[in-house]
Amino acid sequence: MEMPKVMTVSEVQKASRRGENWVRGAANTGALKALPRQTGQWFRFLEQDVIDWILRGSPEFPPHARKRR
């Protein structure tokens, strides 16, 4: 069984052609799924999550959730 590839912010930048702030912002908002991390640690992403994010158009913000009244 093959281990999934873990990517850093700079690798995601090159793959998506987005800037560092865009990638970090997407990870902070939840648009790009990042691996769990401690405060102050680097972002890490699974390759499959990055591919999915790029196919969705590299959004900086997640899609709006349906609001309930």
PDB file of N, CA and C in Angstrom:
ATOM      1  N   MET A   1       0.839  -1.183   0.000  1.00  0.00           N
ATOM      2  CA  MET A   1       0.000   0.000   0.000  1.00  0.00           C
ATOM      3  C   MET A   1       0.881   1.242   0.000  1.00  0.00           C
ATOM      4  N   GLU A   2       0.581   2.153  -0.885  1.00  0.00           N
ATOM      5  CA  GLU A   2       1.398   3.350  -1.047  1.00  0.00           C
ATOM      6  C   GLU A   2       0.933   4.462  -0.109  1.00  0.00           C
ATOM      7  N   MET A   3       1.881   5.160   0.482  1.00  0.00           N
ATOM      8  CA  MET A   3       1.562   6.275   1.381  1.00  0.00           C
ATOM      9  C   MET A   3       1.166   7.500   0.543  1.00  0.00           C
ATOM     10  N   PRO A   4       0.151   8.245   0.980  1.00  0.00           N
ATOM     11  CA  PRO A   4      -0.221   9.452   0.236  1.00  0.00           C
ATOM     12  C   PRO A   4       0.875  10.510   0.337  1.00  0.00           C
ATOM     13  N   LYS A   5       1.046  11.280  -0.722  1.00  0.00           N
ATOM     14  CA  LYS A   5       2.075  12.314  -0.747  1.00  0.00           C
ATOM     15  C   LYS A   5       1.608  13.527   0.054  1.00  0.00           C
ATOM     16  N   VAL A   6       2.490  14.035   0.896  1.00  0.00           N
ATOM     17  CA  VAL A   6       2.207  15.221   1.703  1.00  0.00           C
ATOM     18  C   VAL A   6       2.905  16.407   1.041  1.00  0.00           C
ATOM     19  N   MET A   7       2.163  17.505   0.853  1.00  0.00           N
ATOM     20  CA  MET A   7       2.695  18.683   0.165  1.00  0.00           C
ATOM     21  C   MET A   7       2.783  19.872   1.116  1.00  0.00           C
ATOM     22  N   THR A   8       3.755  20.750   0.874  1.00  0.00           N
ATOM     23  CA  THR A   8       3.899  21.983   1.643  1.00  0.00           C
ATOM     24  C   THR A   8       3.234  23.129   0.883  1.00  0.00           C
ATOM     25  N   VAL A   9       3.209  24.299   1.507  1.00  0.00           N
ATOM     26  CA  VAL A   9       2.600  25.474   0.880  1.00  0.00           C
ATOM     27  C   VAL A   9       3.304  25.819  -0.429  1.00  0.00           C
ATOM     28  N   SER A  10       4.631  25.766  -0.449  1.00  0.00           N
ATOM     29  CA  SER A  10       5.363  26.128  -1.668  1.00  0.00           C
ATOM     30  C   SER A  10       5.079  25.150  -2.806  1.00  0.00           C
ATOM     31  N   GLU A  11       4.904  23.870  -2.490  1.00  0.00           N
ATOM     32  CA  GLU A  11       4.570  22.890  -3.525  1.00  0.00           C
ATOM     33  C   GLU A  11       3.158  23.112  -4.063  1.00  0.00           C
ATOM     34  N   VAL A  12       2.238  23.481  -3.177  1.00  0.00           N
ATOM     35  CA  VAL A  12       0.868  23.771  -3.605  1.00  0.00           C
ATOM     36  C   VAL A  12       0.856  25.033  -4.469  1.00  0.00           C
ATOM     37  N   GLN A  13       1.666  26.020  -4.114  1.00  0.00           N
ATOM     38  CA  GLN A  13       1.780  27.244  -4.918  1.00  0.00           C
ATOM     39  C   GLN A  13       2.168  26.923  -6.356  1.00  0.00           C
ATOM     40  N   LYS A  14       3.178  26.102  -6.511  1.00  0.00           N
ATOM     41  CA  LYS A  14       3.662  25.754  -7.852  1.00  0.00           C
ATOM     42  C   LYS A  14       2.607  24.980  -8.639  1.00  0.00           C
ATOM     43  N   ALA A  15       1.900  24.076  -7.966  1.00  0.00           N
ATOM     44  CA  ALA A  15       0.905  23.254  -8.643  1.00  0.00           C
ATOM     45  C   ALA A  15      -0.326  24.065  -9.050  1.00  0.00           C
ATOM     46  N   SER A  16      -0.719  25.032  -8.210  1.00  0.00           N
ATOM     47  CA  SER A  16      -1.957  25.781  -8.457  1.00  0.00           C
ATOM     48  C   SER A  16      -1.733  27.145  -9.111  1.00  0.00           C
ATOM     49  N   ARG A  17      -0.476  27.584  -9.145  1.00  0.00           N
ATOM     50  CA  ARG A  17      -0.130  28.913  -9.654  1.00  0.00           C
ATOM     51  C   ARG A  17      -0.854  30.025  -8.882  1.00  0.00           C
ATOM     52  N   ARG A  18      -0.945  29.859  -7.595  1.00  0.00           N
ATOM     53  CA  ARG A  18      -1.500  30.865  -6.686  1.00  0.00           C
ATOM     54  C   ARG A  18      -0.395  31.275  -5.725  1.00  0.00           C
ATOM     55  N   GLY A  19      -0.549  32.450  -5.133  1.00  0.00           N
ATOM     56  CA  GLY A  19       0.455  32.948  -4.213  1.00  0.00           C
ATOM     57  C   GLY A  19       0.377  32.302  -2.841  1.00  0.00           C
ATOM     58  N   GLU A  20       1.409  32.558  -2.038  1.00  0.00           N
ATOM     59  CA  GLU A  20       1.487  31.975  -0.694  1.00  0.00           C
ATOM     60  C   GLU A  20       0.311  32.426   0.163  1.00  0.00           C
ATOM     61  N   ASN A  21      -0.027  33.711   0.120  1.00  0.00           N
ATOM     62  CA  ASN A  21      -1.142  34.215   0.925  1.00  0.00           C
ATOM     63  C   ASN A  21      -2.462  33.579   0.517  1.00  0.00           C
ATOM     64  N   TRP A  22      -2.637  33.334  -0.790  1.00  0.00           N
ATOM     65  CA  TRP A  22      -3.878  32.711  -1.284  1.00  0.00           C
ATOM     66  C   TRP A  22      -4.009  31.291  -0.728  1.00  0.00           C
ATOM     67  N   VAL A  23      -2.909  30.519  -0.788  1.00  0.00           N
ATOM     68  CA  VAL A  23      -2.922  29.135  -0.315  1.00  0.00           C
ATOM     69  C   VAL A  23      -3.165  29.093   1.191  1.00  0.00           C
ATOM     70  N   ARG A  24      -2.466  29.937   1.935  1.00  0.00           N
ATOM     71  CA  ARG A  24      -2.650  29.964   3.393  1.00  0.00           C
ATOM     72  C   ARG A  24      -4.053  30.425   3.764  1.00  0.00           C
ATOM     73  N   GLY A  25      -4.574  31.419   3.047  1.00  0.00           N
ATOM     74  CA  GLY A  25      -5.934  31.895   3.298  1.00  0.00           C
ATOM     75  C   GLY A  25      -6.967  30.815   3.036  1.00  0.00           C
ATOM     76  N   ALA A  26      -6.783  30.068   1.946  1.00  0.00           N
ATOM     77  CA  ALA A  26      -7.702  28.978   1.623  1.00  0.00           C
ATOM     78  C   ALA A  26      -7.649  27.894   2.699  1.00  0.00           C
ATOM     79  N   ALA A  27      -6.477  27.622   3.221  1.00  0.00           N
ATOM     80  CA  ALA A  27      -6.347  26.621   4.282  1.00  0.00           C
ATOM     81  C   ALA A  27      -6.989  27.118   5.578  1.00  0.00           C
ATOM     82  N   ASN A  28      -6.818  28.403   5.888  1.00  0.00           N
ATOM     83  CA  ASN A  28      -7.405  28.967   7.109  1.00  0.00           C
ATOM     84  C   ASN A  28      -8.920  28.991   7.065  1.00  0.00           C
ATOM     85  N   THR A  29      -9.501  29.220   5.886  1.00  0.00           N
ATOM     86  CA  THR A  29     -10.958  29.298   5.781  1.00  0.00           C
ATOM     87  C   THR A  29     -11.605  27.933   5.610  1.00  0.00           C
ATOM     88  N   GLY A  30     -10.826  26.925   5.267  1.00  0.00           N
ATOM     89  CA  GLY A  30     -11.379  25.594   5.081  1.00  0.00           C
ATOM     90  C   GLY A  30     -11.651  25.246   3.626  1.00  0.00           C
ATOM     91  N   ALA A  31     -11.365  26.154   2.697  1.00  0.00           N
ATOM     92  CA  ALA A  31     -11.568  25.864   1.278  1.00  0.00           C
ATOM     93  C   ALA A  31     -10.578  24.800   0.802  1.00  0.00           C
ATOM     94  N   LEU A  32      -9.386  24.800   1.376  1.00  0.00           N
ATOM     95  CA  LEU A  32      -8.358  23.795   1.078  1.00  0.00           C
ATOM     96  C   LEU A  32      -8.112  23.005   2.355  1.00  0.00           C
ATOM     97  N   LYS A  33      -8.399  21.710   2.309  1.00  0.00           N
ATOM     98  CA  LYS A  33      -8.283  20.867   3.495  1.00  0.00           C
ATOM     99  C   LYS A  33      -6.821  20.617   3.830  1.00  0.00           C
ATOM    100  N   ALA A  34      -6.433  20.984   5.043  1.00  0.00           N
ATOM    101  CA  ALA A  34      -5.058  20.786   5.509  1.00  0.00           C
ATOM    102  C   ALA A  34      -5.039  19.698   6.578  1.00  0.00           C
ATOM    103  N   LEU A  35      -3.882  19.084   6.751  1.00  0.00           N
ATOM    104  CA  LEU A  35      -3.720  18.102   7.818  1.00  0.00           C
ATOM    105  C   LEU A  35      -3.728  18.812   9.163  1.00  0.00           C
ATOM    106  N   PRO A  36      -4.146  18.126  10.236  1.00  0.00           N
ATOM    107  CA  PRO A  36      -4.137  18.752  11.565  1.00  0.00           C
ATOM    108  C   PRO A  36      -2.732  19.225  11.931  1.00  0.00           C
ATOM    109  N   ARG A  37      -2.676  20.350  12.635  1.00  0.00           N
ATOM    110  CA  ARG A  37      -1.370  20.903  13.008  1.00  0.00           C
ATOM    111  C   ARG A  37      -1.476  21.634  14.330  1.00  0.00           C
ATOM    112  N   GLN A  38      -0.354  21.813  14.977  1.00  0.00           N
ATOM    113  CA  GLN A  38      -0.272  22.592  16.203  1.00  0.00           C
ATOM    114  C   GLN A  38      -0.121  24.065  15.825  1.00  0.00           C
ATOM    115  N   THR A  39      -0.474  24.954  16.728  1.00  0.00           N
ATOM    116  CA  THR A  39      -0.303  26.382  16.481  1.00  0.00           C
ATOM    117  C   THR A  39       1.167  26.684  16.215  1.00  0.00           C
ATOM    118  N   GLY A  40       1.419  27.415  15.136  1.00  0.00           N
ATOM    119  CA  GLY A  40       2.786  27.783  14.789  1.00  0.00           C
ATOM    120  C   GLY A  40       3.482  26.781  13.880  1.00  0.00           C
ATOM    121  N   GLN A  41       2.854  25.658  13.608  1.00  0.00           N
ATOM    122  CA  GLN A  41       3.457  24.665  12.725  1.00  0.00           C
ATOM    123  C   GLN A  41       3.085  24.952  11.280  1.00  0.00           C
ATOM    124  N   TRP A  42       3.815  24.382  10.354  1.00  0.00           N
ATOM    125  CA  TRP A  42       3.570  24.595   8.932  1.00  0.00           C
ATOM    126  C   TRP A  42       2.323  23.861   8.476  1.00  0.00           C
ATOM    127  N   PHE A  43       1.714  24.403   7.422  1.00  0.00           N
ATOM    128  CA  PHE A  43       0.595  23.717   6.797  1.00  0.00           C
ATOM    129  C   PHE A  43       1.127  22.523   6.002  1.00  0.00           C
ATOM    130  N   ARG A  44       0.399  21.423   6.029  1.00  0.00           N
ATOM    131  CA  ARG A  44       0.690  20.241   5.229  1.00  0.00           C
ATOM    132  C   ARG A  44      -0.612  19.815   4.558  1.00  0.00           C
ATOM    133  N   PHE A  45      -0.519  19.402   3.317  1.00  0.00           N
ATOM    134  CA  PHE A  45      -1.700  19.039   2.549  1.00  0.00           C
ATOM    135  C   PHE A  45      -1.482  17.694   1.879  1.00  0.00           C
ATOM    136  N   LEU A  46      -2.555  16.903   1.774  1.00  0.00           N
ATOM    137  CA  LEU A  46      -2.478  15.657   1.010  1.00  0.00           C
ATOM    138  C   LEU A  46      -2.659  15.994  -0.466  1.00  0.00           C
ATOM    139  N   GLU A  47      -1.944  15.269  -1.315  1.00  0.00           N
ATOM    140  CA  GLU A  47      -1.964  15.538  -2.748  1.00  0.00           C
ATOM    141  C   GLU A  47      -3.387  15.451  -3.312  1.00  0.00           C
ATOM    142  N   GLN A  48      -4.173  14.481  -2.860  1.00  0.00           N
ATOM    143  CA  GLN A  48      -5.539  14.328  -3.368  1.00  0.00           C
ATOM    144  C   GLN A  48      -6.412  15.527  -3.005  1.00  0.00           C
ATOM    145  N   ASP A  49      -6.222  16.096  -1.800  1.00  0.00           N
ATOM    146  CA  ASP A  49      -6.981  17.287  -1.396  1.00  0.00           C
ATOM    147  C   ASP A  49      -6.601  18.493  -2.255  1.00  0.00           C
ATOM    148  N   VAL A  50      -5.325  18.600  -2.599  1.00  0.00           N
ATOM    149  CA  VAL A  50      -4.856  19.702  -3.448  1.00  0.00           C
ATOM    150  C   VAL A  50      -5.436  19.568  -4.857  1.00  0.00           C
ATOM    151  N   ILE A  51      -5.436  18.353  -5.394  1.00  0.00           N
ATOM    152  CA  ILE A  51      -6.002  18.129  -6.728  1.00  0.00           C
ATOM    153  C   ILE A  51      -7.479  18.498  -6.745  1.00  0.00           C
ATOM    154  N   ASP A  52      -8.210  18.084  -5.719  1.00  0.00           N
ATOM    155  CA  ASP A  52      -9.642  18.408  -5.620  1.00  0.00           C
ATOM    156  C   ASP A  52      -9.846  19.922  -5.559  1.00  0.00           C
ATOM    157  N   TRP A  53      -9.018  20.617  -4.786  1.00  0.00           N
ATOM    158  CA  TRP A  53      -9.116  22.077  -4.644  1.00  0.00           C
ATOM    159  C   TRP A  53      -8.839  22.774  -5.974  1.00  0.00           C
ATOM    160  N   ILE A  54      -7.841  22.312  -6.706  1.00  0.00           N
ATOM    161  CA  ILE A  54      -7.509  22.906  -8.007  1.00  0.00           C
ATOM    162  C   ILE A  54      -8.644  22.665  -8.996  1.00  0.00           C
ATOM    163  N   LEU A  55      -9.222  21.468  -8.997  1.00  0.00           N
ATOM    164  CA  LEU A  55     -10.330  21.159  -9.906  1.00  0.00           C
ATOM    165  C   LEU A  55     -11.572  22.006  -9.606  1.00  0.00           C
ATOM    166  N   ARG A  56     -11.719  22.440  -8.353  1.00  0.00           N
ATOM    167  CA  ARG A  56     -12.839  23.321  -7.993  1.00  0.00           C
ATOM    168  C   ARG A  56     -12.548  24.775  -8.330  1.00  0.00           C
ATOM    169  N   GLY A  57     -11.389  25.063  -8.899  1.00  0.00           N
ATOM    170  CA  GLY A  57     -11.053  26.421  -9.306  1.00  0.00           C
ATOM    171  C   GLY A  57     -10.204  27.182  -8.305  1.00  0.00           C
ATOM    172  N   SER A  58      -9.605  26.511  -7.357  1.00  0.00           N
ATOM    173  CA  SER A  58      -8.743  27.110  -6.326  1.00  0.00           C
ATOM    174  C   SER A  58      -9.434  28.240  -5.568  1.00  0.00           C
ATOM    175  N   PRO A  59     -10.625  27.980  -4.997  1.00  0.00           N
ATOM    176  CA  PRO A  59     -11.311  29.066  -4.288  1.00  0.00           C
ATOM    177  C   PRO A  59     -10.588  29.459  -3.009  1.00  0.00           C
ATOM    178  N   GLU A  60     -10.666  30.736  -2.678  1.00  0.00           N
ATOM    179  CA  GLU A  60     -10.054  31.193  -1.434  1.00  0.00           C
ATOM    180  C   GLU A  60     -10.986  30.947  -0.251  1.00  0.00           C
ATOM    181  N   PHE A  61     -12.279  30.882  -0.519  1.00  0.00           N
ATOM    182  CA  PHE A  61     -13.269  30.660   0.530  1.00  0.00           C
ATOM    183  C   PHE A  61     -14.107  29.431   0.195  1.00  0.00           C
ATOM    184  N   PRO A  62     -14.563  28.691   1.214  1.00  0.00           N
ATOM    185  CA  PRO A  62     -15.395  27.522   0.942  1.00  0.00           C
ATOM    186  C   PRO A  62     -16.769  27.948   0.437  1.00  0.00           C
ATOM    187  N   PRO A  63     -17.512  27.041  -0.209  1.00  0.00           N
ATOM    188  CA  PRO A  63     -18.857  27.409  -0.655  1.00  0.00           C
ATOM    189  C   PRO A  63     -19.736  27.754   0.541  1.00  0.00           C
ATOM    190  N   HIS A  64     -20.658  28.654   0.320  1.00  0.00           N
ATOM    191  CA  HIS A  64     -21.535  29.079   1.412  1.00  0.00           C
ATOM    192  C   HIS A  64     -22.420  27.932   1.864  1.00  0.00           C
ATOM    193  N   ALA A  65     -22.487  27.767   3.149  1.00  0.00           N
ATOM    194  CA  ALA A  65     -23.378  26.742   3.701  1.00  0.00           C
ATOM    195  C   ALA A  65     -24.797  27.304   3.713  1.00  0.00           C
ATOM    196  N   ARG A  66     -25.745  26.444   3.597  1.00  0.00           N
ATOM    197  CA  ARG A  66     -27.133  26.875   3.617  1.00  0.00           C
ATOM    198  C   ARG A  66     -27.479  27.351   5.026  1.00  0.00           C
ATOM    199  N   LYS A  67     -28.049  28.537   5.107  1.00  0.00           N
ATOM    200  CA  LYS A  67     -28.374  29.111   6.413  1.00  0.00           C
ATOM    201  C   LYS A  67     -29.763  28.658   6.845  1.00  0.00           C
ATOM    202  N   ARG A  68     -29.882  28.366   8.103  1.00  0.00           N
ATOM    203  CA  ARG A  68     -31.179  27.993   8.668  1.00  0.00           C
ATOM    204  C   ARG A  68     -31.703  29.132   9.505  1.00  0.00           C
ATOM    205  N   ARG A  69     -32.980  29.275   9.490  1.00  0.00           N
ATOM    206  CA  ARG A  69     -33.588  30.321  10.329  1.00  0.00           C
ATOM    207  C   ARG A  69     -34.132  29.751  11.584  1.00  0.00           C
TER     208      ARG A  69
END
